[in-house]
Amino acid sequence: MKAKVYVTLKPSVLDPQGKAIHHSVELLGYKDISDVRQGKYFEIALDDAASEADAAAAVEKIAKDVLTNPIIEDYRVEITS
């Protein structure tokens, strides 16, 4: 099993890297882009012996306690076979 964790800044948090990327994209001639938000992506290999529910619970705890700052970041977890 594999877990994918997507971490993004909360919508209310200023994203200066996203703004810089958006500006660069506009300078390259891409005019139909209204906003860019930057984030982080993690892949976690899970022991196949664990149940999907146990694996999801463990990864949720890891995402909350280790991979994110819950004050400024949101996260989403996907479990795949």
Protein backbone atom coordinates (compact mmCIF):
# COMPACT_ATOMS: atom_id res chain seq x y z
CA MET A 1 0.00 0.00 0.00
CA LYS A 2 1.00 3.57 -0.52
CA ALA A 3 -0.22 6.80 1.03
CA LYS A 4 -0.12 10.11 -0.78
CA VAL A 5 -0.23 13.25 1.35
CA TYR A 6 -0.90 16.63 -0.26
CA VAL A 7 -0.10 19.68 1.88
CA THR A 8 -1.20 23.20 0.93
CA LEU A 9 -1.34 26.54 2.64
CA LYS A 10 -4.76 27.47 3.95
CA PRO A 11 -6.61 29.83 1.59
CA SER A 12 -6.31 32.68 4.11
CA VAL A 13 -2.48 32.40 4.24
CA LEU A 14 -0.40 34.50 1.85
CA ASP A 15 1.60 32.33 -0.58
CA PRO A 16 4.61 34.40 -1.77
CA GLN A 17 6.13 31.46 -3.68
CA GLY A 18 2.85 30.90 -5.48
CA LYS A 19 2.68 34.61 -6.35
CA ALA A 20 6.26 34.52 -7.71
CA ILE A 21 5.46 31.46 -9.83
CA HIS A 22 2.26 33.13 -11.08
CA HIS A 23 4.24 36.23 -12.07
CA SER A 24 6.84 34.11 -13.91
CA VAL A 25 4.11 32.19 -15.73
CA GLU A 26 2.54 35.47 -16.87
CA LEU A 27 5.93 36.75 -18.08
CA LEU A 28 6.25 33.59 -20.17
CA GLY A 29 3.03 34.50 -21.93
CA TYR A 30 0.49 32.32 -20.14
CA LYS A 31 -2.37 34.76 -19.62
CA ASP A 32 -5.23 32.43 -18.66
CA ILE A 33 -3.82 31.57 -15.21
CA SER A 34 -5.64 33.40 -12.42
CA ASP A 35 -3.74 32.07 -9.39
CA VAL A 36 -1.00 29.64 -8.35
CA ARG A 37 -0.74 28.03 -4.91
CA GLN A 38 2.34 26.02 -4.03
CA GLY A 39 2.36 22.99 -1.74
CA LYS A 40 4.16 19.82 -0.73
CA TYR A 41 3.61 16.20 -1.73
CA PHE A 42 4.67 13.10 0.22
CA GLU A 43 4.51 9.40 -0.68
CA ILE A 44 4.61 6.96 2.23
CA ALA A 45 5.09 3.22 1.64
CA LEU A 46 2.91 1.18 3.99
CA ASP A 47 3.23 -2.41 5.16
CA ASP A 48 0.72 -4.50 3.20
CA ALA A 49 -0.08 -6.46 6.36
CA ALA A 50 -1.82 -3.42 7.88
CA SER A 51 -5.52 -2.95 7.24
CA GLU A 52 -6.49 0.00 5.08
CA ALA A 53 -8.33 1.59 8.02
CA ASP A 54 -5.30 1.26 10.33
CA ALA A 55 -2.97 2.57 7.62
CA ALA A 56 -5.23 5.55 6.94
CA ALA A 57 -5.42 6.37 10.66
CA ALA A 58 -1.62 6.18 11.03
CA VAL A 59 -0.99 8.37 7.99
CA GLU A 60 -3.59 10.91 9.16
CA LYS A 61 -1.73 11.16 12.48
CA ILE A 62 1.66 11.48 10.73
CA ALA A 63 0.29 14.18 8.43
CA LYS A 64 -1.19 16.11 11.34
CA ASP A 65 1.73 15.70 13.78
CA VAL A 66 4.80 15.69 11.51
CA LEU A 67 4.19 16.79 7.92
CA THR A 68 2.09 19.91 8.44
CA ASN A 69 1.78 23.02 10.50
CA PRO A 70 -1.96 22.86 11.28
CA ILE A 71 -2.12 26.60 11.95
CA ILE A 72 -1.26 27.55 8.34
CA GLU A 73 -1.56 24.34 6.32
CA ASP A 74 -4.28 21.94 5.22
CA TYR A 75 -3.67 18.37 4.06
CA ARG A 76 -5.37 15.59 2.16
CA VAL A 77 -4.51 11.87 2.37
CA GLU A 78 -5.09 9.22 -0.31
CA ILE A 79 -4.46 5.50 0.30
CA THR A 80 -3.79 3.35 -2.78
CA SER A 81 -3.10 -0.35 -3.21
